[in-house]
Amino acid sequence: MAKAPRRGPYICGIDAALDVVSGKWKGLILWELEAHGVRRFGELRRGLPGVSEKMLTQHLRELEEDSLVHRKVHAEVPPRVEYSLTEHGRTLNQALGPLGAWGSERVCREAAEVTSEDRVALR
């Protein structure tokens, strides 16, 4: 399959990595496939509340073009399509792990700051 056109040249590795995972749903799709292994389209959609069918389809196609997700079509009627991570996708998930930890810490820190501001406002 042909590789997706990218906007490079890239300034640094982070620029190249963010180009691949850009979009609200890609990281969540990778996480869902890591957590559950093989998933059908409907299972992915249920696992990602708020994603539209169009966006899920578009992001899955891009992830497949980038060799991060494998799409397997079973010769059945009706056709059954399953998605799973490739080894390349697993390595990306490992790289995103520290970013997710940083995000969780940020959420906790902001919640603590809001709570502190509320206490000050009540005085």
N, C-alpha and C. Protein backbone atom coordinates (compact mmCIF):
# COMPACT_ATOMS: atom_id res chain seq x y z
N MET A 1 0.84 -1.17 0.00
CA MET A 1 0.00 0.00 0.00
C MET A 1 0.89 1.24 0.00
N ALA A 2 0.50 2.26 -0.74
CA ALA A 2 1.29 3.48 -0.84
C ALA A 2 1.27 4.24 0.47
N LYS A 3 2.37 4.87 0.77
CA LYS A 3 2.48 5.66 1.99
C LYS A 3 1.70 6.96 1.82
N ALA A 4 1.12 7.43 2.93
CA ALA A 4 0.38 8.69 2.91
C ALA A 4 1.35 9.84 2.66
N PRO A 5 0.92 10.82 1.87
CA PRO A 5 1.80 11.96 1.66
C PRO A 5 1.95 12.74 2.96
N ARG A 6 3.14 13.13 3.26
CA ARG A 6 3.42 13.89 4.48
C ARG A 6 3.92 15.26 4.09
N ARG A 7 3.83 16.17 5.01
CA ARG A 7 4.17 17.55 4.68
C ARG A 7 5.64 17.87 4.80
N GLY A 8 6.49 16.98 5.34
CA GLY A 8 7.91 17.23 5.53
C GLY A 8 8.47 18.25 4.56
N PRO A 9 9.68 18.66 4.61
CA PRO A 9 10.70 18.12 5.49
C PRO A 9 10.43 18.51 6.95
N TYR A 10 10.87 17.64 7.81
CA TYR A 10 10.62 17.83 9.23
C TYR A 10 11.77 18.56 9.89
N ILE A 11 11.43 19.32 10.91
CA ILE A 11 12.42 20.07 11.67
C ILE A 11 13.14 19.14 12.64
N CYS A 12 12.37 18.21 13.24
CA CYS A 12 12.95 17.28 14.21
C CYS A 12 12.09 16.03 14.27
N GLY A 13 12.50 15.07 15.08
CA GLY A 13 11.75 13.82 15.21
C GLY A 13 10.36 14.02 15.79
N ILE A 14 10.22 14.97 16.71
CA ILE A 14 8.90 15.22 17.29
C ILE A 14 7.94 15.70 16.21
N ASP A 15 8.42 16.55 15.32
CA ASP A 15 7.61 17.04 14.21
C ASP A 15 7.12 15.87 13.35
N ALA A 16 8.01 14.95 13.04
CA ALA A 16 7.65 13.78 12.22
C ALA A 16 6.67 12.88 12.95
N ALA A 17 6.87 12.69 14.26
CA ALA A 17 5.98 11.83 15.04
C ALA A 17 4.59 12.43 15.16
N LEU A 18 4.53 13.74 15.43
CA LEU A 18 3.23 14.39 15.57
C LEU A 18 2.47 14.40 14.25
N ASP A 19 3.17 14.42 13.14
CA ASP A 19 2.53 14.35 11.84
C ASP A 19 1.76 13.03 11.69
N VAL A 20 2.32 11.96 12.22
CA VAL A 20 1.70 10.64 12.11
C VAL A 20 0.49 10.50 13.05
N VAL A 21 0.58 11.07 14.25
CA VAL A 21 -0.51 10.90 15.23
C VAL A 21 -1.43 12.11 15.30
N SER A 22 -1.30 13.03 14.36
CA SER A 22 -2.16 14.21 14.38
C SER A 22 -3.61 13.80 14.21
N GLY A 23 -4.47 14.51 14.87
CA GLY A 23 -5.90 14.19 14.85
C GLY A 23 -6.33 13.72 16.22
N LYS A 24 -7.51 14.13 16.60
CA LYS A 24 -8.02 13.85 17.94
C LYS A 24 -8.12 12.36 18.25
N TRP A 25 -8.44 11.55 17.27
CA TRP A 25 -8.81 10.16 17.54
C TRP A 25 -7.69 9.14 17.34
N LYS A 26 -6.62 9.50 16.66
CA LYS A 26 -5.59 8.50 16.34
C LYS A 26 -4.96 7.89 17.59
N GLY A 27 -4.57 8.71 18.52
CA GLY A 27 -3.98 8.19 19.75
C GLY A 27 -4.95 7.30 20.51
N LEU A 28 -6.22 7.68 20.50
CA LEU A 28 -7.24 6.88 21.19
C LEU A 28 -7.51 5.56 20.47
N ILE A 29 -7.45 5.57 19.16
CA ILE A 29 -7.59 4.33 18.39
C ILE A 29 -6.44 3.38 18.73
N LEU A 30 -5.23 3.92 18.73
CA LEU A 30 -4.06 3.10 19.07
C LEU A 30 -4.19 2.53 20.48
N TRP A 31 -4.64 3.35 21.42
CA TRP A 31 -4.83 2.90 22.80
C TRP A 31 -5.89 1.81 22.88
N GLU A 32 -7.00 2.00 22.19
CA GLU A 32 -8.09 1.01 22.20
C GLU A 32 -7.62 -0.33 21.63
N LEU A 33 -6.85 -0.30 20.55
CA LEU A 33 -6.35 -1.54 19.96
C LEU A 33 -5.29 -2.19 20.85
N GLU A 34 -4.50 -1.39 21.54
CA GLU A 34 -3.52 -1.94 22.47
C GLU A 34 -4.22 -2.62 23.64
N ALA A 35 -5.27 -1.99 24.15
CA ALA A 35 -5.99 -2.50 25.31
C ALA A 35 -6.81 -3.74 25.00
N HIS A 36 -7.35 -3.84 23.78
CA HIS A 36 -8.29 -4.92 23.47
C HIS A 36 -7.84 -5.86 22.36
N GLY A 37 -6.70 -5.60 21.75
CA GLY A 37 -6.24 -6.47 20.67
C GLY A 37 -7.03 -6.25 19.41
N VAL A 38 -7.57 -7.29 18.85
CA VAL A 38 -8.32 -7.23 17.60
C VAL A 38 -9.71 -6.64 17.88
N ARG A 39 -10.10 -5.65 17.06
CA ARG A 39 -11.41 -5.02 17.22
C ARG A 39 -12.06 -4.85 15.86
N ARG A 40 -13.38 -5.02 15.84
CA ARG A 40 -14.15 -4.71 14.65
C ARG A 40 -14.51 -3.24 14.67
N PHE A 41 -14.96 -2.71 13.54
CA PHE A 41 -15.26 -1.28 13.42
C PHE A 41 -16.27 -0.84 14.48
N GLY A 42 -17.34 -1.58 14.63
CA GLY A 42 -18.37 -1.22 15.60
C GLY A 42 -17.85 -1.23 17.03
N GLU A 43 -16.99 -2.17 17.33
CA GLU A 43 -16.40 -2.23 18.67
C GLU A 43 -15.52 -1.01 18.93
N LEU A 44 -14.75 -0.63 17.91
CA LEU A 44 -13.93 0.58 18.05
C LEU A 44 -14.81 1.81 18.25
N ARG A 45 -15.86 1.89 17.48
CA ARG A 45 -16.75 3.07 17.58
C ARG A 45 -17.39 3.14 18.97
N ARG A 46 -17.83 2.01 19.50
CA ARG A 46 -18.41 2.00 20.85
C ARG A 46 -17.37 2.32 21.92
N GLY A 47 -16.14 1.95 21.67
CA GLY A 47 -15.06 2.20 22.62
C GLY A 47 -14.56 3.64 22.60
N LEU A 48 -14.98 4.40 21.61
CA LEU A 48 -14.54 5.80 21.46
C LEU A 48 -15.76 6.71 21.36
N PRO A 49 -16.45 6.93 22.47
CA PRO A 49 -17.66 7.75 22.44
C PRO A 49 -17.37 9.14 21.86
N GLY A 50 -18.21 9.54 20.94
CA GLY A 50 -18.07 10.86 20.32
C GLY A 50 -17.44 10.84 18.94
N VAL A 51 -16.80 9.75 18.56
CA VAL A 51 -16.19 9.69 17.24
C VAL A 51 -17.28 9.43 16.21
N SER A 52 -17.23 10.15 15.09
CA SER A 52 -18.18 9.90 14.01
C SER A 52 -17.67 8.74 13.15
N GLU A 53 -18.58 8.14 12.43
CA GLU A 53 -18.19 7.04 11.53
C GLU A 53 -17.18 7.53 10.50
N LYS A 54 -17.41 8.73 9.98
CA LYS A 54 -16.52 9.31 8.97
C LYS A 54 -15.10 9.50 9.52
N MET A 55 -14.98 10.07 10.72
CA MET A 55 -13.66 10.33 11.28
C MET A 55 -12.95 9.03 11.63
N LEU A 56 -13.69 8.07 12.18
CA LEU A 56 -13.08 6.79 12.52
C LEU A 56 -12.55 6.11 11.25
N THR A 57 -13.34 6.11 10.21
CA THR A 57 -12.93 5.52 8.94
C THR A 57 -11.68 6.22 8.40
N GLN A 58 -11.70 7.54 8.41
CA GLN A 58 -10.58 8.32 7.89
C GLN A 58 -9.31 8.04 8.68
N HIS A 59 -9.40 8.06 10.00
CA HIS A 59 -8.21 7.83 10.81
C HIS A 59 -7.71 6.39 10.69
N LEU A 60 -8.61 5.43 10.61
CA LEU A 60 -8.17 4.04 10.43
C LEU A 60 -7.43 3.87 9.10
N ARG A 61 -7.92 4.51 8.06
CA ARG A 61 -7.25 4.42 6.75
C ARG A 61 -5.85 5.03 6.82
N GLU A 62 -5.73 6.19 7.48
CA GLU A 62 -4.42 6.84 7.60
C GLU A 62 -3.47 5.99 8.44
N LEU A 63 -3.97 5.42 9.53
CA LEU A 63 -3.13 4.56 10.37
C LEU A 63 -2.69 3.32 9.61
N GLU A 64 -3.57 2.80 8.76
CA GLU A 64 -3.21 1.65 7.94
C GLU A 64 -2.15 2.04 6.90
N GLU A 65 -2.31 3.21 6.29
CA GLU A 65 -1.33 3.68 5.31
C GLU A 65 0.04 3.88 5.94
N ASP A 66 0.05 4.26 7.22
CA ASP A 66 1.30 4.47 7.93
C ASP A 66 1.85 3.19 8.56
N SER A 67 1.23 2.06 8.24
CA SER A 67 1.65 0.74 8.73
C SER A 67 1.59 0.62 10.26
N LEU A 68 0.64 1.32 10.87
CA LEU A 68 0.46 1.25 12.31
C LEU A 68 -0.67 0.31 12.69
N VAL A 69 -1.63 0.17 11.79
CA VAL A 69 -2.81 -0.67 12.01
C VAL A 69 -2.93 -1.65 10.85
N HIS A 70 -3.27 -2.88 11.18
CA HIS A 70 -3.51 -3.91 10.16
C HIS A 70 -5.01 -4.10 10.02
N ARG A 71 -5.48 -4.13 8.78
CA ARG A 71 -6.90 -4.34 8.47
C ARG A 71 -7.03 -5.70 7.81
N LYS A 72 -7.84 -6.57 8.43
CA LYS A 72 -8.03 -7.91 7.88
C LYS A 72 -9.50 -8.08 7.50
N VAL A 73 -9.73 -8.41 6.22
CA VAL A 73 -11.08 -8.63 5.72
C VAL A 73 -11.29 -10.12 5.58
N HIS A 74 -12.31 -10.64 6.26
CA HIS A 74 -12.64 -12.06 6.16
C HIS A 74 -13.65 -12.26 5.03
N ALA A 75 -13.43 -13.29 4.25
CA ALA A 75 -14.30 -13.59 3.10
C ALA A 75 -15.58 -14.25 3.60
N GLU A 76 -16.46 -13.46 4.13
CA GLU A 76 -17.74 -13.95 4.64
C GLU A 76 -18.85 -13.03 4.14
N VAL A 77 -20.06 -13.50 4.27
CA VAL A 77 -21.22 -12.66 3.95
C VAL A 77 -22.06 -12.55 5.20
N PRO A 78 -22.24 -11.36 5.74
CA PRO A 78 -21.63 -10.09 5.33
C PRO A 78 -20.14 -10.09 5.69
N PRO A 79 -19.37 -9.23 5.00
CA PRO A 79 -17.93 -9.21 5.25
C PRO A 79 -17.63 -8.80 6.70
N ARG A 80 -16.62 -9.42 7.24
CA ARG A 80 -16.18 -9.09 8.60
C ARG A 80 -14.79 -8.49 8.48
N VAL A 81 -14.61 -7.29 9.05
CA VAL A 81 -13.34 -6.59 8.99
C VAL A 81 -12.84 -6.41 10.41
N GLU A 82 -11.57 -6.75 10.63
CA GLU A 82 -10.97 -6.62 11.95
C GLU A 82 -9.72 -5.74 11.86
N TYR A 83 -9.49 -4.98 12.91
CA TYR A 83 -8.33 -4.10 12.99
C TYR A 83 -7.47 -4.52 14.17
N SER A 84 -6.17 -4.44 13.98
CA SER A 84 -5.22 -4.74 15.05
C SER A 84 -3.98 -3.89 14.85
N LEU A 85 -3.18 -3.80 15.90
CA LEU A 85 -1.93 -3.05 15.80
C LEU A 85 -0.87 -3.87 15.08
N THR A 86 -0.05 -3.21 14.30
CA THR A 86 1.14 -3.83 13.76
C THR A 86 2.24 -3.68 14.81
N GLU A 87 3.37 -4.30 14.58
CA GLU A 87 4.49 -4.14 15.50
C GLU A 87 4.93 -2.68 15.54
N HIS A 88 4.89 -2.03 14.40
CA HIS A 88 5.23 -0.61 14.31
C HIS A 88 4.25 0.23 15.16
N GLY A 89 2.98 -0.14 15.13
CA GLY A 89 1.97 0.53 15.96
C GLY A 89 2.22 0.32 17.44
N ARG A 90 2.67 -0.87 17.81
CA ARG A 90 2.98 -1.15 19.22
C ARG A 90 4.15 -0.28 19.70
N THR A 91 5.14 -0.11 18.85
CA THR A 91 6.27 0.73 19.26
C THR A 91 5.84 2.19 19.42
N LEU A 92 4.90 2.64 18.60
CA LEU A 92 4.39 4.00 18.76
C LEU A 92 3.62 4.12 20.07
N ASN A 93 2.82 3.12 20.40
CA ASN A 93 2.10 3.14 21.68
C ASN A 93 3.06 3.22 22.85
N GLN A 94 4.17 2.50 22.78
CA GLN A 94 5.17 2.56 23.85
C GLN A 94 5.75 3.96 23.96
N ALA A 95 5.96 4.61 22.83
CA ALA A 95 6.49 5.97 22.84
C ALA A 95 5.46 6.96 23.38
N LEU A 96 4.18 6.71 23.16
CA LEU A 96 3.13 7.61 23.63
C LEU A 96 2.84 7.44 25.12
N GLY A 97 3.28 6.33 25.72
CA GLY A 97 3.04 6.07 27.14
C GLY A 97 3.49 7.21 28.04
N PRO A 98 4.75 7.68 27.93
CA PRO A 98 5.18 8.80 28.77
C PRO A 98 4.38 10.08 28.53
N LEU A 99 3.95 10.30 27.31
CA LEU A 99 3.12 11.47 27.02
C LEU A 99 1.77 11.36 27.74
N GLY A 100 1.21 10.17 27.77
CA GLY A 100 -0.04 9.94 28.49
C GLY A 100 0.13 10.16 29.98
N ALA A 101 1.26 9.72 30.53
CA ALA A 101 1.54 9.93 31.96
C ALA A 101 1.65 11.42 32.25
N TRP A 102 2.31 12.15 31.37
CA TRP A 102 2.44 13.59 31.54
C TRP A 102 1.06 14.25 31.52
N GLY A 103 0.20 13.80 30.60
CA GLY A 103 -1.16 14.35 30.52
C GLY A 103 -1.96 14.07 31.77
N SER A 104 -1.84 12.87 32.32
CA SER A 104 -2.55 12.53 33.57
C SER A 104 -2.08 13.41 34.72
N GLU A 105 -0.77 13.63 34.80
CA GLU A 105 -0.24 14.52 35.84
C GLU A 105 -0.76 15.94 35.67
N ARG A 106 -0.86 16.38 34.44
CA ARG A 106 -1.37 17.73 34.16
C ARG A 106 -2.82 17.87 34.60
N VAL A 107 -3.64 16.87 34.32
CA VAL A 107 -5.05 16.91 34.73
C VAL A 107 -5.15 17.01 36.25
N CYS A 108 -4.36 16.22 36.96
CA CYS A 108 -4.36 16.25 38.42
C CYS A 108 -3.89 17.61 38.94
N ARG A 109 -2.84 18.15 38.34
CA ARG A 109 -2.31 19.44 38.76
C ARG A 109 -3.33 20.55 38.55
N GLU A 110 -4.00 20.54 37.40
CA GLU A 110 -5.00 21.58 37.12
C GLU A 110 -6.20 21.45 38.05
N ALA A 111 -6.59 20.23 38.37
CA ALA A 111 -7.70 20.03 39.31
C ALA A 111 -7.33 20.58 40.68
N ALA A 112 -6.08 20.36 41.10
CA ALA A 112 -5.62 20.87 42.39
C ALA A 112 -5.58 22.39 42.38
N GLU A 113 -5.17 22.98 41.27
CA GLU A 113 -5.12 24.44 41.17
C GLU A 113 -6.52 25.04 41.23
N VAL A 114 -7.48 24.42 40.57
CA VAL A 114 -8.86 24.90 40.60
C VAL A 114 -9.40 24.82 42.02
N THR A 115 -9.13 23.73 42.70
CA THR A 115 -9.58 23.56 44.08
C THR A 115 -8.98 24.64 44.98
N SER A 116 -7.70 24.95 44.80
CA SER A 116 -7.04 26.01 45.58
C SER A 116 -7.66 27.36 45.30
N GLU A 117 -7.96 27.64 44.05
CA GLU A 117 -8.60 28.92 43.68
C GLU A 117 -9.97 29.03 44.30
N ASP A 118 -10.72 27.92 44.36
CA ASP A 118 -12.04 27.93 44.96
C ASP A 118 -11.94 28.25 46.44
N ARG A 119 -10.94 27.69 47.12
CA ARG A 119 -10.76 27.96 48.55
C ARG A 119 -10.46 29.42 48.79
N VAL A 120 -9.62 30.02 47.93
CA VAL A 120 -9.27 31.43 48.07
C VAL A 120 -10.50 32.30 47.84
N ALA A 121 -11.32 31.95 46.85
CA ALA A 121 -12.52 32.73 46.54
C ALA A 121 -13.54 32.68 47.67
N LEU A 122 -13.56 31.59 48.42
CA LEU A 122 -14.53 31.44 49.52
C LEU A 122 -14.14 32.27 50.74
N ARG A 123 -12.90 32.69 50.84
CA ARG A 123 -12.46 33.45 52.02
C ARG A 123 -12.98 34.83 52.04
